[in-house]
Protein backbone atom coordinates (compact mmCIF):
# COMPACT_ATOMS: atom_id res chain seq x y z
CA MET A 1 0.00 0.00 0.00
CA ASN A 2 1.42 3.34 -1.07
CA VAL A 3 -0.11 6.54 0.27
CA PRO A 4 1.84 9.51 -1.10
CA PHE A 5 1.89 12.80 0.78
CA LYS A 6 3.23 16.32 0.54
CA LYS A 7 4.80 18.01 3.54
CA MET A 8 4.00 21.73 3.36
CA ASN A 9 4.09 24.74 5.63
CA GLY A 10 2.90 28.30 5.91
CA LEU A 11 5.32 30.27 8.11
CA GLY A 12 6.33 27.06 9.87
CA ASN A 13 2.73 25.96 10.56
CA ASP A 14 3.21 22.55 8.95
CA PHE A 15 0.93 20.03 7.27
CA VAL A 16 0.84 16.53 5.86
CA VAL A 17 -1.30 16.82 2.73
CA LEU A 18 -3.04 13.73 1.29
CA ASP A 19 -4.88 13.65 -2.04
CA ALA A 20 -8.19 11.76 -2.07
CA ARG A 21 -9.77 13.55 -5.05
CA ASP A 22 -9.41 10.74 -7.60
CA LYS A 23 -8.43 7.76 -5.48
CA ALA A 24 -9.63 6.92 -2.00
CA ILE A 25 -6.99 6.74 0.70
CA PRO A 26 -6.81 3.12 1.90
CA MET A 27 -8.00 2.80 5.48
CA PHE A 28 -7.36 -0.11 7.80
CA GLY A 29 -9.18 -1.12 10.94
CA PRO A 30 -8.22 -3.03 14.11
CA MET A 31 -7.42 -6.30 12.27
CA SER A 32 -5.87 -4.65 9.22
CA GLU A 33 -9.14 -5.10 7.33
CA PRO A 34 -9.87 -2.40 4.76
CA MET A 35 -12.57 0.04 5.83
CA SER A 36 -14.37 2.89 4.12
CA GLY A 37 -15.37 6.37 5.20
CA PRO A 38 -13.41 9.43 6.36
CA MET A 39 -10.03 9.02 7.97
CA SER A 40 -10.32 8.27 11.67
CA GLY A 41 -8.96 10.70 14.21
CA ALA A 42 -6.64 7.99 15.50
CA ILE A 43 -4.98 7.58 12.10
CA ALA A 44 -4.66 11.34 11.67
CA ALA A 45 -3.06 11.63 15.12
CA ALA A 46 -0.62 8.81 14.24
CA ILE A 47 0.44 10.61 11.06
CA ALA A 48 0.81 13.92 12.92
CA ASP A 49 2.86 12.41 15.76
CA ARG A 50 6.30 14.02 15.61
CA THR A 51 8.01 10.98 17.15
CA ALA A 52 6.40 7.92 15.57
CA GLY A 53 4.70 9.50 12.53
CA VAL A 54 5.61 12.08 9.91
CA GLY A 55 4.93 14.95 12.29
CA CYS A 56 2.82 18.04 11.65
CA ASP A 57 0.39 20.51 13.17
CA GLN A 58 -2.48 19.39 10.93
CA VAL A 59 -3.27 16.54 8.52
CA ILE A 60 -5.04 17.85 5.41
CA ILE A 61 -7.14 15.71 3.05
CA MET A 62 -7.97 17.06 -0.41
CA GLU A 63 -11.34 15.67 -1.53
CA LYS A 64 -13.66 16.20 -4.49
CA ALA A 65 -16.03 19.14 -4.23
CA ASP A 66 -19.11 20.35 -6.04
CA ALA A 67 -18.99 23.53 -8.12
CA PRO A 68 -18.13 26.29 -7.62
CA ALA A 69 -15.49 24.85 -5.27
CA ASP A 70 -12.34 23.33 -6.79
CA VAL A 71 -11.56 21.14 -3.79
CA PHE A 72 -12.88 20.23 -0.35
CA MET A 73 -10.25 20.53 2.39
CA ARG A 74 -10.72 18.24 5.40
CA ILE A 75 -8.64 19.27 8.43
CA TYR A 76 -7.45 17.20 11.38
CA ASN A 77 -5.53 18.73 14.27
CA GLN A 78 -2.49 17.06 15.76
CA ASP A 79 -4.66 15.38 18.41
CA GLY A 80 -6.89 13.82 15.74
CA GLY A 81 -9.82 16.18 16.18
CA GLU A 82 -11.47 17.40 12.98
CA VAL A 83 -11.82 21.18 12.72
CA ALA A 84 -13.51 23.57 10.30
CA ALA A 85 -10.82 26.07 9.34
CA CYS A 86 -7.07 26.56 8.93
CA GLY A 87 -5.84 29.69 7.21
CA ASN A 88 -2.25 28.67 6.51
CA ALA A 89 -3.37 25.28 5.15
CA THR A 90 -5.87 27.01 2.86
CA ARG A 91 -3.04 28.97 1.26
CA CYS A 92 -0.99 25.78 0.85
CA ILE A 93 -3.85 23.84 -0.79
CA ALA A 94 -4.64 26.79 -3.04
CA GLN A 95 -0.97 26.87 -4.09
CA VAL A 96 -1.08 23.15 -4.99
CA LEU A 97 -4.19 23.54 -7.16
CA MET A 98 -2.95 26.73 -8.77
CA ASP A 99 0.31 25.04 -9.74
CA GLU A 100 -1.59 22.01 -11.09
CA GLY A 101 -3.99 24.02 -13.22
CA GLY A 102 -1.84 26.99 -14.15
CA ARG A 103 -4.44 29.30 -12.60
CA ASP A 104 -4.23 32.17 -10.15
CA ASP A 105 -7.72 31.81 -8.68
CA ILE A 106 -9.11 28.84 -6.75
CA ILE A 107 -12.09 28.22 -4.46
CA VAL A 108 -11.42 25.98 -1.47
CA GLU A 109 -14.37 24.51 0.42
CA THR A 110 -14.06 23.80 4.15
CA ARG A 111 -16.58 23.01 6.86
CA ALA A 112 -16.51 26.75 7.57
CA GLY A 113 -17.58 27.61 4.00
CA LEU A 114 -16.17 28.58 0.61
CA LEU A 115 -12.86 30.46 0.56
CA ALA A 116 -11.81 32.34 -2.58
CA CYS A 117 -8.04 32.34 -3.13
CA THR A 118 -5.98 34.43 -5.54
CA ARG A 119 -2.27 34.54 -6.34
CA THR A 120 -0.18 37.58 -7.22
CA GLY A 121 3.57 37.35 -7.68
CA GLY A 122 3.64 33.85 -6.24
CA ILE A 123 1.96 34.92 -2.99
CA VAL A 124 -1.54 33.63 -2.13
CA THR A 125 -4.34 35.74 -0.67
CA VAL A 126 -7.37 34.08 0.92
CA ASP A 127 -10.74 35.74 1.44
CA MET A 128 -11.55 34.34 4.89
CA GLY A 129 -15.04 35.85 4.96
CA MET A 130 -16.62 37.92 7.72
CA PRO A 131 -15.59 37.54 11.39
CA LYS A 132 -18.29 36.65 13.89
CA PHE A 133 -18.57 38.45 17.23
CA GLY A 134 -21.86 37.25 18.73
CA TRP A 135 -21.49 35.26 21.94
CA GLN A 136 -23.50 32.39 20.45
CA GLU A 137 -21.38 32.47 17.29
CA ILE A 138 -18.04 32.02 19.09
CA PRO A 139 -19.64 30.03 20.83
CA LEU A 140 -19.62 30.97 24.52
CA ALA A 141 -21.39 29.12 27.29
CA GLU A 142 -23.17 32.31 28.40
CA ARG A 143 -24.12 35.74 27.10
CA MET A 144 -21.19 38.14 27.28
CA ASP A 145 -19.64 41.14 25.52
CA THR A 146 -17.05 39.48 23.27
CA ARG A 147 -14.83 42.56 23.35
CA LEU A 148 -14.10 41.92 27.03
CA LEU A 149 -14.68 38.42 28.36
CA ASP A 150 -14.91 37.77 32.07
CA ILE A 151 -11.79 35.60 32.24
CA ARG A 152 -9.01 36.08 34.77
CA ILE A 153 -5.88 33.98 35.02
CA GLY A 154 -3.90 34.14 38.26
CA PRO A 155 -4.66 35.54 41.72
CA ILE A 156 -8.03 37.28 42.05
CA ASP A 157 -6.48 40.48 43.39
CA ALA A 158 -3.55 40.46 40.93
CA PRO A 159 -4.48 38.52 37.76
CA VAL A 160 -1.73 37.73 35.28
CA LEU A 161 -4.09 37.85 32.30
CA ILE A 162 -7.52 39.45 32.21
CA GLY A 163 -10.35 40.46 29.89
CA PRO A 164 -9.63 38.86 26.49
CA SER A 165 -11.64 39.38 23.32
CA ALA A 166 -13.33 36.60 21.34
CA VAL A 167 -13.74 36.23 17.58
CA ASN A 168 -14.84 33.35 15.36
CA VAL A 169 -13.23 33.10 11.91
CA GLY A 170 -14.30 29.54 11.21
CA ASN A 171 -13.03 28.51 14.63
CA PRO A 172 -13.11 30.20 18.06
CA HIS A 173 -10.31 32.53 19.19
CA CYS A 174 -9.60 34.04 22.59
CA ILE A 175 -7.19 37.00 22.37
CA PHE A 176 -5.41 38.76 25.22
CA PHE A 177 -3.97 42.18 24.36
CA VAL A 178 -0.78 42.61 26.40
CA GLU A 179 2.18 44.99 26.59
CA ASP A 180 4.79 42.26 26.08
CA ALA A 181 3.71 39.02 24.38
CA ALA A 182 7.04 37.33 25.16
CA ARG A 183 6.66 37.86 28.89
CA TYR A 184 3.98 35.21 29.48
CA ASP A 185 4.31 31.44 29.75
CA LEU A 186 1.78 30.57 27.06
CA GLU A 187 2.60 26.88 27.33
CA LYS A 188 1.32 27.05 30.93
CA PHE A 189 -1.72 29.28 30.42
CA GLY A 190 -2.73 28.07 26.96
CA PRO A 191 -4.26 24.72 27.97
CA LEU A 192 -6.17 26.34 30.86
CA ILE A 193 -7.83 28.89 28.60
CA GLU A 194 -8.30 26.48 25.67
CA ASN A 195 -10.40 24.28 27.98
CA HIS A 196 -12.06 27.07 29.98
CA PRO A 197 -15.74 26.29 30.69
CA LEU A 198 -16.74 29.47 28.85
CA PHE A 199 -15.68 27.77 25.57
CA PRO A 200 -17.84 24.66 24.94
CA GLU A 201 -15.91 23.95 21.72
CA GLN A 202 -12.55 24.96 23.25
CA ALA A 203 -10.64 27.91 21.84
CA ASN A 204 -7.40 28.98 20.22
CA VAL A 205 -5.53 31.27 22.60
CA SER A 206 -3.42 34.25 21.53
CA LEU A 207 -1.26 36.89 23.16
CA ALA A 208 -1.28 40.07 21.04
CA GLU A 209 1.12 42.97 21.43
CA ILE A 210 0.60 46.19 19.46
CA THR A 211 4.16 47.13 18.46
CA ALA A 212 3.31 50.07 16.18
CA PRO A 213 0.31 51.44 14.29
CA GLY A 214 -0.66 48.61 11.92
CA ALA A 215 1.80 46.15 13.46
CA ILE A 216 0.90 43.32 15.85
CA ARG A 217 3.13 40.68 17.44
CA LEU A 218 1.20 37.45 18.03
CA ARG A 219 1.91 34.23 19.92
CA VAL A 220 -0.59 31.38 19.62
CA TRP A 221 -1.62 28.30 21.55
CA GLU A 222 -3.70 26.34 19.03
CA ARG A 223 -6.46 24.06 20.28
CA GLY A 224 -5.64 20.43 19.64
CA VAL A 225 -2.06 21.32 18.68
CA GLY A 226 -0.35 23.43 21.35
CA LEU A 227 2.25 26.12 20.76
CA THR A 228 2.58 26.75 17.04
CA LYS A 229 4.93 28.80 14.91
CA ALA A 230 2.01 30.35 13.06
CA CYS A 231 -1.78 30.23 12.98
CA GLY A 232 -3.46 31.91 10.03
CA THR A 233 -6.93 32.10 11.57
CA ALA A 234 -5.46 33.63 14.75
CA ALA A 235 -3.81 36.34 12.65
CA CYS A 236 -7.15 36.91 10.91
CA ALA A 237 -8.98 37.09 14.24
CA VAL A 238 -6.62 39.53 15.96
CA VAL A 239 -7.05 42.40 13.50
CA PRO A 240 -10.84 42.81 13.82
CA ALA A 241 -10.53 42.22 17.56
CA ALA A 242 -7.96 45.03 17.77
CA VAL A 243 -10.05 47.34 15.56
CA ARG A 244 -13.09 46.83 17.83
CA LYS A 245 -10.97 47.97 20.79
CA GLY A 246 -9.51 50.96 18.93
CA LEU A 247 -6.01 49.48 18.90
CA SER A 248 -5.34 48.99 15.19
CA PRO A 249 -6.27 50.13 11.69
CA ARG A 250 -8.11 47.66 9.48
CA LYS A 251 -4.91 46.65 7.69
CA ALA A 252 -1.97 45.33 9.69
CA ILE A 253 1.14 43.20 9.53
CA VAL A 254 0.73 40.39 12.05
CA THR A 255 4.07 38.84 12.99
CA LEU A 256 3.99 35.32 14.40
CA ASN A 257 6.91 33.17 15.52
CA GLY A 258 7.21 31.85 11.94
CA GLY A 259 7.04 35.25 10.24
CA PRO A 260 4.62 37.95 9.06
CA LEU A 261 1.16 37.80 7.47
CA GLU A 262 -0.62 40.73 5.88
CA ILE A 263 -4.18 40.95 7.19
CA GLU A 264 -6.86 43.34 5.98
CA TRP A 265 -10.38 43.60 7.42
CA ALA A 266 -11.85 45.33 4.38
CA GLU A 267 -14.22 48.19 5.06
CA HIS A 268 -16.29 47.72 1.89
CA ASN A 269 -17.52 44.20 2.75
CA ASP A 270 -16.14 43.37 6.23
CA HIS A 271 -14.30 40.35 4.80
CA ILE A 272 -10.85 39.41 6.12
CA TYR A 273 -8.09 39.01 3.54
CA MET A 274 -4.97 37.07 4.52
CA THR A 275 -1.80 37.21 2.39
CA GLY A 276 1.35 35.23 2.99
CA PRO A 277 3.88 32.67 1.73
CA THR A 278 3.65 28.89 1.37
CA ALA A 279 6.32 26.23 0.98
CA LEU A 280 6.58 22.63 -0.16
CA ASP A 281 9.09 20.97 2.15
CA TYR A 282 9.25 17.50 0.56
CA GLU A 283 7.16 14.60 -0.75
CA GLY A 284 7.05 11.04 0.54
CA VAL A 285 5.01 7.88 1.13
CA LEU A 286 3.27 7.08 4.41
CA PRO A 287 4.27 3.75 6.00
CA GLN A 288 1.44 1.19 6.24
CA ALA A 289 2.06 0.83 9.98
CA LEU A 290 0.40 4.22 10.54
CA PHE A 291 -2.90 2.81 9.22
CA GLU A 292 -2.93 -0.52 11.04
CA ARG A 293 -4.76 -1.39 14.25
CA ARG A 294 -6.51 1.98 14.38
CA SER A 295 -10.21 2.59 13.85
């Protein structure tokens, strides 16, 4: 059994990309019997494992899609959980299809909706759609102003982190605006906030530092992944969150650990446009052992 893959990344946010558009990916169950249906979370987690598998932040499956979409992108986090959106992966998949077809415009379908992608000078821009701010749209467990959530981390009389904003851009984001993003132990606080009872579907957690007008430094704890070099949806979420608090213009350079993304929350339609690089690291074949004895 040969299952080819591409290893790709967007600013270090890395993916194992599998192509199931024309040929189903062979799946194997507990007794190595072939099985049908979507990839199981256990298999995705085995592929994403950085010790025993290939290693990645997300496993991406390219599947057939109905018009007007060119491809359906299925997304599994490192822990095997399926999620609806991944901005950096969208750029990578768009790049693959653009190279295949010699086109500079592609529509990628995800569980979060249709994403129009364009390429200029080798750089891909994704229309990520409109951000959602309603407490039920995040979603939150109770009604609350999403510009200032009632979350405190640390001692009651001297909290370390307090009052984040929440935005949904296909997945939920919790963003703390701080004076120094490097100062905090995000690996310690990230899991606590990701699994906070206010977030029934968990949340991506970001520390955002305004470094200059139109410039934001961002560190991200990604749900189901952990600390990541870059998170495209987090970069998309932070700009409208900052605009709502009067901290940023609608167009900003968001610098993550892996590098910068250009984010614009367009005034004419309230859509978020994300522009940034992609890279193909290498191609390979997945070992059969990753598919065996997992259902």
